[in-house]
N, C-alpha and C. Protein backbone atom coordinates (compact mmCIF):
# COMPACT_ATOMS: atom_id res chain seq x y z
N UNK A 1 30.38 31.93 106.54
CA UNK A 1 29.53 32.92 105.89
C UNK A 1 30.38 34.09 105.42
N UNK A 2 30.17 34.51 104.18
CA UNK A 2 30.93 35.62 103.63
C UNK A 2 30.16 36.92 103.76
N UNK A 3 30.84 37.95 104.27
CA UNK A 3 30.24 39.28 104.41
C UNK A 3 30.80 40.16 103.30
N UNK A 4 29.92 40.77 102.50
CA UNK A 4 30.36 41.63 101.40
C UNK A 4 29.98 43.08 101.68
N UNK A 5 30.91 44.00 101.46
CA UNK A 5 30.61 45.41 101.62
C UNK A 5 31.63 46.26 100.87
N UNK A 6 31.28 47.52 100.71
CA UNK A 6 32.16 48.49 100.05
C UNK A 6 32.69 49.43 101.12
N UNK A 7 34.00 49.35 101.47
CA UNK A 7 34.52 50.17 102.57
C UNK A 7 34.27 51.67 102.40
N UNK A 8 34.34 52.18 101.18
CA UNK A 8 34.17 53.62 100.96
C UNK A 8 32.74 54.01 100.62
N UNK A 9 31.81 53.08 100.85
CA UNK A 9 30.39 53.40 100.65
C UNK A 9 29.97 54.59 101.50
N UNK A 10 30.63 54.75 102.63
CA UNK A 10 30.30 55.85 103.55
C UNK A 10 30.56 57.21 102.92
N UNK A 11 31.40 57.27 101.88
CA UNK A 11 31.69 58.55 101.23
C UNK A 11 30.76 58.83 100.06
N UNK A 12 29.93 57.85 99.71
CA UNK A 12 28.99 58.03 98.61
C UNK A 12 27.68 58.58 99.14
N UNK A 13 27.01 59.46 98.40
CA UNK A 13 25.74 60.06 98.88
C UNK A 13 24.69 59.02 99.26
N UNK A 14 24.67 57.87 98.56
CA UNK A 14 23.64 56.85 98.82
C UNK A 14 24.11 55.78 99.79
N UNK A 15 25.35 55.87 100.26
CA UNK A 15 25.90 54.82 101.11
C UNK A 15 25.23 54.73 102.47
N UNK A 16 24.99 53.49 102.93
CA UNK A 16 24.38 53.30 104.26
C UNK A 16 25.16 52.28 105.08
N UNK A 17 26.46 52.12 104.77
CA UNK A 17 27.30 51.21 105.52
C UNK A 17 27.44 51.67 106.96
N UNK A 18 27.28 50.75 107.91
CA UNK A 18 27.47 51.09 109.33
C UNK A 18 28.95 50.98 109.66
N UNK A 19 29.50 52.04 110.26
CA UNK A 19 30.92 52.02 110.59
C UNK A 19 31.16 52.90 111.81
N UNK A 20 32.35 52.72 112.41
CA UNK A 20 32.80 53.53 113.54
C UNK A 20 33.96 54.40 113.07
N UNK A 21 34.06 55.60 113.63
CA UNK A 21 35.09 56.56 113.25
C UNK A 21 36.06 56.73 114.42
N UNK A 22 37.34 56.47 114.18
CA UNK A 22 38.38 56.68 115.18
C UNK A 22 39.32 57.77 114.66
N UNK A 23 39.47 58.84 115.42
CA UNK A 23 40.30 59.97 115.02
C UNK A 23 41.64 59.88 115.74
N UNK A 24 42.72 59.84 114.95
CA UNK A 24 44.06 59.74 115.49
C UNK A 24 44.74 61.11 115.46
N UNK A 25 45.90 61.17 116.06
CA UNK A 25 46.66 62.42 116.09
C UNK A 25 47.42 62.60 114.77
N UNK A 26 46.63 62.69 113.70
CA UNK A 26 47.14 62.86 112.34
C UNK A 26 46.30 63.92 111.65
N UNK A 27 46.84 64.57 110.61
CA UNK A 27 46.05 65.59 109.90
C UNK A 27 44.74 65.01 109.37
N UNK A 28 43.67 65.79 109.48
CA UNK A 28 42.35 65.37 109.01
C UNK A 28 42.04 66.05 107.69
N UNK A 29 41.42 65.30 106.79
CA UNK A 29 41.00 65.84 105.49
C UNK A 29 39.61 66.43 105.65
N UNK A 30 39.51 67.74 105.64
CA UNK A 30 38.23 68.43 105.83
C UNK A 30 37.22 68.06 104.74
N UNK A 31 37.74 67.69 103.56
CA UNK A 31 36.84 67.36 102.46
C UNK A 31 35.93 66.18 102.74
N UNK A 32 36.41 65.19 103.48
CA UNK A 32 35.61 64.00 103.76
C UNK A 32 35.05 63.99 105.18
N UNK A 33 35.56 64.86 106.03
CA UNK A 33 35.28 64.75 107.46
C UNK A 33 33.80 64.83 107.82
N UNK A 34 33.10 65.85 107.32
CA UNK A 34 31.69 66.03 107.70
C UNK A 34 30.84 64.82 107.34
N UNK A 35 31.08 64.25 106.16
CA UNK A 35 30.30 63.10 105.72
C UNK A 35 30.58 61.88 106.59
N UNK A 36 31.87 61.65 106.89
CA UNK A 36 32.23 60.51 107.74
C UNK A 36 31.63 60.66 109.13
N UNK A 37 31.72 61.86 109.70
CA UNK A 37 31.20 62.09 111.04
C UNK A 37 29.69 61.87 111.09
N UNK A 38 28.99 62.41 110.12
CA UNK A 38 27.52 62.34 110.15
C UNK A 38 27.00 60.92 109.99
N UNK A 39 27.77 60.05 109.31
CA UNK A 39 27.29 58.69 109.05
C UNK A 39 27.79 57.66 110.06
N UNK A 40 28.77 58.02 110.88
CA UNK A 40 29.34 57.06 111.83
C UNK A 40 28.35 56.73 112.94
N UNK A 41 28.32 55.47 113.35
CA UNK A 41 27.42 55.06 114.44
C UNK A 41 28.10 55.22 115.79
N UNK A 42 29.43 55.31 115.81
CA UNK A 42 30.17 55.54 117.04
C UNK A 42 31.44 56.31 116.68
N UNK A 43 31.78 57.31 117.51
CA UNK A 43 32.92 58.18 117.20
C UNK A 43 33.85 58.24 118.41
N UNK A 44 35.15 58.04 118.16
CA UNK A 44 36.12 58.02 119.25
C UNK A 44 37.38 58.77 118.84
N UNK A 45 38.10 59.26 119.85
CA UNK A 45 39.40 59.89 119.62
C UNK A 45 40.45 59.14 120.41
N UNK A 46 41.60 58.91 119.80
CA UNK A 46 42.74 58.32 120.50
C UNK A 46 43.65 59.46 120.94
N UNK A 47 43.59 59.79 122.23
CA UNK A 47 44.45 60.80 122.87
C UNK A 47 44.55 62.09 122.06
N UNK A 48 45.69 62.37 121.43
CA UNK A 48 45.90 63.62 120.70
C UNK A 48 44.97 63.80 119.52
N UNK A 49 44.25 62.74 119.12
CA UNK A 49 43.26 62.88 118.07
C UNK A 49 42.17 63.88 118.46
N UNK A 50 41.97 64.04 119.77
CA UNK A 50 40.99 65.01 120.25
C UNK A 50 41.42 66.44 119.89
N UNK A 51 42.73 66.70 119.90
CA UNK A 51 43.23 68.01 119.47
C UNK A 51 42.86 68.27 118.01
N UNK A 52 43.01 67.24 117.18
CA UNK A 52 42.71 67.37 115.75
C UNK A 52 41.22 67.65 115.54
N UNK A 53 40.37 66.92 116.28
CA UNK A 53 38.93 67.12 116.18
C UNK A 53 38.56 68.53 116.62
N UNK A 54 39.12 68.97 117.72
CA UNK A 54 38.84 70.30 118.26
C UNK A 54 39.23 71.38 117.26
N UNK A 55 40.37 71.18 116.59
CA UNK A 55 40.87 72.17 115.64
C UNK A 55 40.04 72.22 114.36
N UNK A 56 39.69 71.04 113.81
CA UNK A 56 39.00 71.02 112.53
C UNK A 56 37.54 71.48 112.65
N UNK A 57 37.00 71.43 113.88
CA UNK A 57 35.60 71.85 114.10
C UNK A 57 35.53 73.20 114.79
N UNK A 58 36.62 73.96 114.75
CA UNK A 58 36.69 75.26 115.44
C UNK A 58 35.50 76.13 115.09
N UNK A 59 34.86 76.67 116.13
CA UNK A 59 33.69 77.51 115.94
C UNK A 59 32.38 76.74 115.99
N UNK A 60 32.48 75.40 115.92
CA UNK A 60 31.27 74.57 115.93
C UNK A 60 31.51 73.26 116.68
N UNK A 61 32.38 73.32 117.70
CA UNK A 61 32.76 72.10 118.42
C UNK A 61 31.58 71.39 119.08
N UNK A 62 30.57 72.14 119.49
CA UNK A 62 29.42 71.53 120.18
C UNK A 62 28.69 70.51 119.30
N UNK A 63 28.81 70.65 118.00
CA UNK A 63 28.12 69.74 117.08
C UNK A 63 28.95 68.50 116.75
N UNK A 64 30.17 68.44 117.28
CA UNK A 64 31.07 67.32 116.96
C UNK A 64 31.70 66.79 118.25
N UNK A 65 30.87 66.19 119.09
CA UNK A 65 31.34 65.65 120.36
C UNK A 65 31.54 64.14 120.24
N UNK A 66 32.76 63.63 120.51
CA UNK A 66 33.01 62.18 120.39
C UNK A 66 32.32 61.41 121.50
N UNK A 67 32.05 60.13 121.25
CA UNK A 67 31.46 59.28 122.28
C UNK A 67 32.46 59.03 123.40
N UNK A 68 33.72 58.87 123.05
CA UNK A 68 34.74 58.74 124.09
C UNK A 68 36.11 59.14 123.54
N UNK A 69 36.98 59.49 124.48
CA UNK A 69 38.38 59.77 124.20
C UNK A 69 39.19 58.86 125.10
N UNK A 70 40.13 58.12 124.53
CA UNK A 70 40.92 57.21 125.35
C UNK A 70 42.41 57.45 125.12
N UNK A 71 43.22 56.98 126.06
CA UNK A 71 44.67 57.10 125.96
C UNK A 71 45.29 57.37 127.32
N UNK A 72 46.61 57.58 127.33
CA UNK A 72 47.25 57.94 128.59
C UNK A 72 47.25 59.45 128.79
N UNK A 73 46.66 60.16 127.83
CA UNK A 73 46.44 61.62 127.90
C UNK A 73 47.74 62.41 128.03
N UNK A 74 48.79 61.91 127.36
CA UNK A 74 50.04 62.68 127.34
C UNK A 74 50.11 63.60 126.12
N UNK A 75 49.17 63.44 125.19
CA UNK A 75 49.18 64.25 123.97
C UNK A 75 48.04 65.26 123.91
N UNK A 76 46.93 64.96 124.52
CA UNK A 76 45.78 65.87 124.46
C UNK A 76 46.11 67.15 125.23
N UNK A 77 45.79 68.29 124.65
CA UNK A 77 46.04 69.56 125.32
C UNK A 77 45.07 69.72 126.50
N UNK A 78 45.53 70.28 127.61
CA UNK A 78 44.68 70.40 128.81
C UNK A 78 43.35 71.10 128.54
N UNK A 79 43.36 72.18 127.74
CA UNK A 79 42.12 72.91 127.49
C UNK A 79 41.15 72.09 126.63
N UNK A 80 41.71 71.25 125.76
CA UNK A 80 40.87 70.38 124.93
C UNK A 80 40.23 69.30 125.80
N UNK A 81 41.04 68.72 126.67
CA UNK A 81 40.55 67.68 127.59
C UNK A 81 39.43 68.24 128.47
N UNK A 82 39.63 69.42 129.00
CA UNK A 82 38.62 70.04 129.88
C UNK A 82 37.36 70.39 129.10
N UNK A 83 37.51 70.82 127.87
CA UNK A 83 36.34 71.16 127.05
C UNK A 83 35.45 69.94 126.86
N UNK A 84 36.04 68.84 126.40
CA UNK A 84 35.23 67.65 126.12
C UNK A 84 34.70 67.01 127.41
N UNK A 85 35.47 67.09 128.48
CA UNK A 85 35.00 66.59 129.77
C UNK A 85 33.79 67.38 130.23
N UNK A 86 33.85 68.69 130.04
CA UNK A 86 32.74 69.57 130.44
C UNK A 86 31.50 69.34 129.60
N UNK A 87 31.67 68.83 128.38
CA UNK A 87 30.54 68.56 127.50
C UNK A 87 29.96 67.16 127.71
N UNK A 88 30.53 66.41 128.68
CA UNK A 88 29.99 65.09 129.00
C UNK A 88 30.56 63.95 128.20
N UNK A 89 31.63 64.20 127.42
CA UNK A 89 32.26 63.11 126.69
C UNK A 89 32.98 62.18 127.67
N UNK A 90 32.94 60.90 127.40
CA UNK A 90 33.58 59.92 128.27
C UNK A 90 35.08 59.92 128.04
N UNK A 91 35.86 60.09 129.11
CA UNK A 91 37.31 60.04 129.04
C UNK A 91 37.78 58.75 129.68
N UNK A 92 38.45 57.90 128.92
CA UNK A 92 38.88 56.59 129.41
C UNK A 92 40.41 56.57 129.44
N UNK A 93 40.97 56.61 130.65
CA UNK A 93 42.43 56.62 130.78
C UNK A 93 42.97 55.21 130.68
N UNK A 94 43.91 54.99 129.76
CA UNK A 94 44.53 53.68 129.56
C UNK A 94 46.03 53.86 129.69
N UNK A 95 46.60 53.24 130.72
CA UNK A 95 48.00 53.50 131.08
C UNK A 95 48.96 52.43 130.61
N UNK A 96 48.49 51.39 129.93
CA UNK A 96 49.34 50.30 129.47
C UNK A 96 50.35 50.82 128.44
N UNK A 97 51.62 50.87 128.84
CA UNK A 97 52.65 51.43 127.94
C UNK A 97 53.11 50.44 126.88
N UNK A 98 52.65 49.19 126.95
CA UNK A 98 53.03 48.19 125.95
C UNK A 98 52.20 48.31 124.68
N UNK A 99 51.10 49.08 124.74
CA UNK A 99 50.23 49.22 123.58
C UNK A 99 50.13 50.69 123.18
N UNK A 100 49.93 50.95 121.90
CA UNK A 100 49.76 52.32 121.43
C UNK A 100 48.36 52.82 121.82
N UNK A 101 48.19 54.14 121.83
CA UNK A 101 46.88 54.72 122.10
C UNK A 101 45.85 54.24 121.07
N UNK A 102 46.29 54.07 119.84
CA UNK A 102 45.41 53.59 118.77
C UNK A 102 44.90 52.18 119.08
N UNK A 103 45.83 51.29 119.45
CA UNK A 103 45.44 49.91 119.77
C UNK A 103 44.50 49.87 120.96
N UNK A 104 44.80 50.68 121.98
CA UNK A 104 43.94 50.71 123.17
C UNK A 104 42.55 51.23 122.82
N UNK A 105 42.50 52.23 121.95
CA UNK A 105 41.22 52.79 121.52
C UNK A 105 40.41 51.75 120.76
N UNK A 106 41.09 50.96 119.91
CA UNK A 106 40.41 49.91 119.16
C UNK A 106 39.89 48.80 120.07
N UNK A 107 40.65 48.48 121.11
CA UNK A 107 40.21 47.44 122.04
C UNK A 107 38.93 47.87 122.76
N UNK A 108 38.85 49.13 123.14
CA UNK A 108 37.64 49.64 123.77
C UNK A 108 36.49 49.60 122.77
N UNK A 109 36.79 49.98 121.53
CA UNK A 109 35.78 49.97 120.47
C UNK A 109 35.22 48.57 120.27
N UNK A 110 36.10 47.58 120.30
CA UNK A 110 35.65 46.20 120.12
C UNK A 110 34.61 45.80 121.15
N UNK A 111 34.83 46.20 122.40
CA UNK A 111 33.90 45.81 123.45
C UNK A 111 32.56 46.52 123.30
N UNK A 112 32.53 47.62 122.55
CA UNK A 112 31.30 48.40 122.38
C UNK A 112 30.50 47.97 121.15
N UNK A 113 31.10 47.21 120.30
CA UNK A 113 30.40 46.77 119.09
C UNK A 113 29.69 45.46 119.37
N UNK A 114 28.39 45.44 119.22
CA UNK A 114 27.62 44.25 119.55
C UNK A 114 27.61 43.22 118.43
N UNK A 115 27.93 43.62 117.24
CA UNK A 115 27.92 42.68 116.14
C UNK A 115 28.97 41.61 116.36
N UNK A 116 28.63 40.39 116.00
CA UNK A 116 29.53 39.27 116.19
C UNK A 116 30.29 38.90 114.92
N UNK A 117 30.03 39.60 113.80
CA UNK A 117 30.62 39.21 112.53
C UNK A 117 32.02 39.76 112.31
N UNK A 118 32.93 39.66 113.32
CA UNK A 118 34.28 40.18 113.18
C UNK A 118 35.21 39.16 112.51
N UNK A 119 34.89 37.85 112.59
CA UNK A 119 35.80 36.86 112.00
C UNK A 119 35.15 36.25 110.78
N UNK A 120 35.94 35.41 110.08
CA UNK A 120 35.39 34.71 108.94
C UNK A 120 35.88 35.28 107.64
N UNK A 121 35.02 35.22 106.60
CA UNK A 121 35.40 35.63 105.25
C UNK A 121 34.66 36.90 104.86
N UNK A 122 35.41 37.85 104.27
CA UNK A 122 34.84 39.13 103.89
C UNK A 122 35.21 39.46 102.46
N UNK A 123 34.26 40.04 101.75
CA UNK A 123 34.51 40.51 100.38
C UNK A 123 34.36 42.02 100.36
N UNK A 124 35.43 42.72 99.98
CA UNK A 124 35.43 44.18 99.94
C UNK A 124 35.38 44.65 98.49
N UNK A 125 34.39 45.48 98.17
CA UNK A 125 34.29 46.07 96.85
C UNK A 125 35.09 47.37 96.85
N UNK A 126 36.19 47.41 96.13
CA UNK A 126 37.09 48.56 96.15
C UNK A 126 37.16 49.17 94.75
N UNK A 127 35.99 49.54 94.25
CA UNK A 127 35.90 50.04 92.87
C UNK A 127 35.05 51.30 92.76
N UNK A 128 35.05 52.13 93.82
CA UNK A 128 34.23 53.34 93.79
C UNK A 128 34.92 54.50 93.06
N UNK A 129 36.22 54.39 92.87
CA UNK A 129 36.98 55.49 92.28
C UNK A 129 37.54 56.44 93.33
N UNK A 130 37.16 56.23 94.59
CA UNK A 130 37.65 57.07 95.69
C UNK A 130 38.87 56.46 96.38
N UNK A 131 39.18 55.20 96.04
CA UNK A 131 40.29 54.52 96.69
C UNK A 131 41.62 55.14 96.30
N UNK A 132 42.51 55.29 97.29
CA UNK A 132 43.87 55.74 97.02
C UNK A 132 44.72 54.56 96.59
N UNK A 133 46.04 54.74 96.60
CA UNK A 133 46.93 53.72 96.05
C UNK A 133 47.23 52.59 97.01
N UNK A 134 47.24 52.86 98.32
CA UNK A 134 47.69 51.83 99.25
C UNK A 134 46.56 51.31 100.13
N UNK A 135 46.78 50.13 100.70
CA UNK A 135 45.85 49.53 101.66
C UNK A 135 46.66 48.62 102.58
N UNK A 136 46.04 48.11 103.62
CA UNK A 136 46.78 47.26 104.54
C UNK A 136 45.89 46.50 105.49
N UNK A 137 46.48 45.49 106.11
CA UNK A 137 45.80 44.65 107.11
C UNK A 137 46.66 44.63 108.36
N UNK A 138 46.05 44.97 109.51
CA UNK A 138 46.80 45.08 110.75
C UNK A 138 46.08 44.27 111.84
N UNK A 139 46.79 43.39 112.54
CA UNK A 139 46.17 42.66 113.66
C UNK A 139 45.85 43.61 114.80
N UNK A 140 44.72 43.39 115.45
CA UNK A 140 44.30 44.26 116.56
C UNK A 140 44.69 43.60 117.87
N UNK A 141 45.80 44.02 118.45
CA UNK A 141 46.19 43.51 119.76
C UNK A 141 46.78 42.12 119.71
N UNK A 142 46.04 41.16 119.16
CA UNK A 142 46.47 39.77 119.17
C UNK A 142 47.07 39.36 117.83
N UNK A 143 47.77 38.23 117.85
CA UNK A 143 48.30 37.65 116.62
C UNK A 143 47.17 37.04 115.81
N UNK A 144 47.18 37.26 114.50
CA UNK A 144 46.27 36.56 113.60
C UNK A 144 47.06 35.39 113.01
N UNK A 145 46.61 34.18 113.27
CA UNK A 145 47.39 33.00 112.92
C UNK A 145 47.21 32.53 111.49
N UNK A 146 46.08 32.88 110.87
CA UNK A 146 45.80 32.31 109.56
C UNK A 146 45.04 33.30 108.69
N UNK A 147 45.75 34.00 107.81
CA UNK A 147 45.15 35.00 106.94
C UNK A 147 45.35 34.61 105.48
N UNK A 148 44.27 34.66 104.71
CA UNK A 148 44.35 34.41 103.28
C UNK A 148 43.60 35.53 102.56
N UNK A 149 44.23 36.10 101.52
CA UNK A 149 43.60 37.20 100.79
C UNK A 149 43.66 36.95 99.28
N UNK A 150 42.76 37.62 98.57
CA UNK A 150 42.86 37.73 97.11
C UNK A 150 42.60 39.19 96.75
N UNK A 151 42.99 39.58 95.55
CA UNK A 151 42.72 40.93 95.08
C UNK A 151 43.75 41.96 95.46
N UNK A 152 44.83 41.53 96.14
CA UNK A 152 45.90 42.44 96.54
C UNK A 152 47.14 42.21 95.69
N UNK A 153 47.97 43.23 95.61
CA UNK A 153 49.22 43.09 94.87
C UNK A 153 50.11 42.04 95.52
N UNK A 154 50.14 42.03 96.85
CA UNK A 154 50.89 41.02 97.60
C UNK A 154 49.90 40.28 98.50
N UNK A 155 49.37 39.17 97.99
CA UNK A 155 48.38 38.39 98.73
C UNK A 155 49.03 37.55 99.82
N UNK A 156 48.23 37.21 100.81
CA UNK A 156 48.66 36.34 101.90
C UNK A 156 47.95 35.00 101.74
N UNK A 157 48.66 33.92 102.01
CA UNK A 157 48.08 32.58 101.92
C UNK A 157 48.39 31.82 103.20
N UNK A 158 47.38 31.66 104.03
CA UNK A 158 47.51 30.96 105.32
C UNK A 158 48.70 31.50 106.12
N UNK A 159 48.85 32.82 106.11
CA UNK A 159 49.99 33.43 106.78
C UNK A 159 49.63 34.01 108.14
N UNK A 160 50.66 34.22 108.95
CA UNK A 160 50.52 34.80 110.28
C UNK A 160 50.80 36.30 110.20
N UNK A 161 49.96 37.08 110.86
CA UNK A 161 50.21 38.53 110.97
C UNK A 161 50.46 38.84 112.43
N UNK A 162 51.60 39.46 112.69
CA UNK A 162 51.97 39.77 114.07
C UNK A 162 53.00 40.89 114.05
N UNK A 163 52.80 41.89 114.92
CA UNK A 163 53.80 42.96 115.02
C UNK A 163 55.14 42.36 115.42
N UNK A 164 56.20 42.79 114.75
CA UNK A 164 57.52 42.24 115.01
C UNK A 164 57.86 41.10 114.08
N UNK A 165 56.85 40.55 113.40
CA UNK A 165 57.07 39.45 112.46
C UNK A 165 56.63 39.88 111.06
N UNK A 166 55.33 40.01 110.85
CA UNK A 166 54.81 40.44 109.57
C UNK A 166 53.51 41.19 109.78
N UNK A 167 53.42 42.40 109.24
CA UNK A 167 52.15 43.12 109.12
C UNK A 167 52.09 43.65 107.70
N UNK A 168 50.89 43.74 107.17
CA UNK A 168 50.72 44.15 105.78
C UNK A 168 50.22 45.59 105.74
N UNK A 169 51.12 46.53 106.02
CA UNK A 169 50.71 47.93 106.13
C UNK A 169 50.85 48.70 104.82
N UNK A 170 51.60 48.19 103.86
CA UNK A 170 51.86 48.93 102.62
C UNK A 170 51.55 48.07 101.40
N UNK A 171 50.34 47.54 101.38
CA UNK A 171 49.93 46.71 100.26
C UNK A 171 49.27 47.58 99.20
N UNK A 172 48.80 46.97 98.12
CA UNK A 172 48.12 47.69 97.05
C UNK A 172 47.13 46.73 96.41
N UNK A 173 46.36 47.22 95.43
CA UNK A 173 45.33 46.41 94.79
C UNK A 173 45.85 45.80 93.49
N UNK A 174 45.21 44.70 93.06
CA UNK A 174 45.58 44.10 91.78
C UNK A 174 44.66 44.58 90.65
N UNK A 175 43.82 45.59 90.95
CA UNK A 175 42.91 46.21 89.97
C UNK A 175 41.73 45.33 89.57
N UNK A 176 41.45 44.27 90.32
CA UNK A 176 40.27 43.44 90.05
C UNK A 176 39.00 44.10 90.58
N UNK A 177 39.15 45.05 91.54
CA UNK A 177 38.00 45.73 92.11
C UNK A 177 37.39 45.02 93.31
N UNK A 178 37.88 43.83 93.63
CA UNK A 178 37.36 43.07 94.78
C UNK A 178 38.52 42.49 95.56
N UNK A 179 38.48 42.66 96.89
CA UNK A 179 39.46 42.05 97.79
C UNK A 179 38.71 41.09 98.69
N UNK A 180 39.21 39.87 98.84
CA UNK A 180 38.62 38.95 99.81
C UNK A 180 39.63 38.70 100.92
N UNK A 181 39.11 38.60 102.13
CA UNK A 181 39.96 38.38 103.31
C UNK A 181 39.34 37.28 104.14
N UNK A 182 40.10 36.26 104.43
CA UNK A 182 39.66 35.20 105.34
C UNK A 182 40.59 35.19 106.53
N UNK A 183 40.03 35.36 107.72
CA UNK A 183 40.85 35.51 108.92
C UNK A 183 40.28 34.73 110.09
N UNK A 184 41.16 34.34 111.00
CA UNK A 184 40.70 33.62 112.20
C UNK A 184 40.58 34.55 113.40
N UNK A 185 41.07 35.80 113.28
CA UNK A 185 41.00 36.77 114.37
C UNK A 185 40.63 38.14 113.78
N UNK A 186 40.15 39.07 114.63
CA UNK A 186 39.81 40.41 114.12
C UNK A 186 41.02 41.11 113.52
N UNK A 187 40.77 41.80 112.41
CA UNK A 187 41.80 42.55 111.70
C UNK A 187 41.32 43.97 111.46
N UNK A 188 42.26 44.90 111.36
CA UNK A 188 41.94 46.26 110.97
C UNK A 188 42.29 46.43 109.50
N UNK A 189 41.31 46.86 108.69
CA UNK A 189 41.54 47.15 107.28
C UNK A 189 41.84 48.64 107.15
N UNK A 190 42.96 48.99 106.54
CA UNK A 190 43.30 50.40 106.33
C UNK A 190 43.43 50.65 104.83
N UNK A 191 43.10 51.88 104.41
CA UNK A 191 43.20 52.20 102.99
C UNK A 191 43.31 53.70 102.81
N UNK A 192 44.01 54.08 101.74
CA UNK A 192 44.10 55.49 101.39
C UNK A 192 42.82 55.91 100.68
N UNK A 193 42.43 57.17 100.90
CA UNK A 193 41.25 57.74 100.26
C UNK A 193 41.70 58.97 99.48
N UNK A 194 41.26 59.08 98.24
CA UNK A 194 41.61 60.25 97.43
C UNK A 194 40.99 61.51 98.05
N UNK A 195 41.74 62.58 98.06
CA UNK A 195 41.24 63.85 98.57
C UNK A 195 40.18 64.39 97.63
N UNK A 196 39.19 65.08 98.22
CA UNK A 196 38.19 65.74 97.39
C UNK A 196 38.84 66.96 96.72
N UNK A 197 38.55 67.20 95.45
CA UNK A 197 39.12 68.37 94.79
C UNK A 197 38.65 69.65 95.47
N UNK A 198 39.54 70.59 95.58
CA UNK A 198 39.22 71.91 96.14
C UNK A 198 38.76 71.85 97.59
N UNK A 199 39.26 70.82 98.35
CA UNK A 199 38.90 70.75 99.76
C UNK A 199 39.51 71.93 100.51
N UNK A 200 40.67 72.38 100.04
CA UNK A 200 41.32 73.54 100.66
C UNK A 200 41.62 74.54 99.55
N UNK A 201 41.36 75.79 99.80
CA UNK A 201 41.68 76.83 98.83
C UNK A 201 42.56 77.90 99.48
């Protein structure tokens, strides 16, 4: 069964795509943040990502409480950790040093998502005009043994994706407006998003 959706539908006023928001320890674009937060069905921070959330919502943190924060907590500032703990946010300590905080956060997210449609064939509509130049496919924790894509500048055909061997982190589009992905294991789709004009003055 093929699942079709528009990844950036969440940034459109009429979009009703269900998605989860994971905040990493990277700069946040204030221009898109409020819309992404308000439409997400589940919100999580990977360790130091909580610092970013705390900073970007300064003065209104009570309205932006994540469902959980996970990691080994070596990056989150003590006052930020105590703030979210005091507000009842779930703190999940993950000490496995073989995995990144991001990967651990995604593994927890997987267990919380009840939908079973993680594998199979997917059609992504990438023609909203909000797409940036790059995109990528990343295996989540496990090796993906058989990946086939269309619509990318560098397509994969029955290929293996595995950290240390091959990951497709710096791909691009072929301008057809549609990307198809067929996979035997869960994958993370990443993509650049154009900044909103005048997001910062």
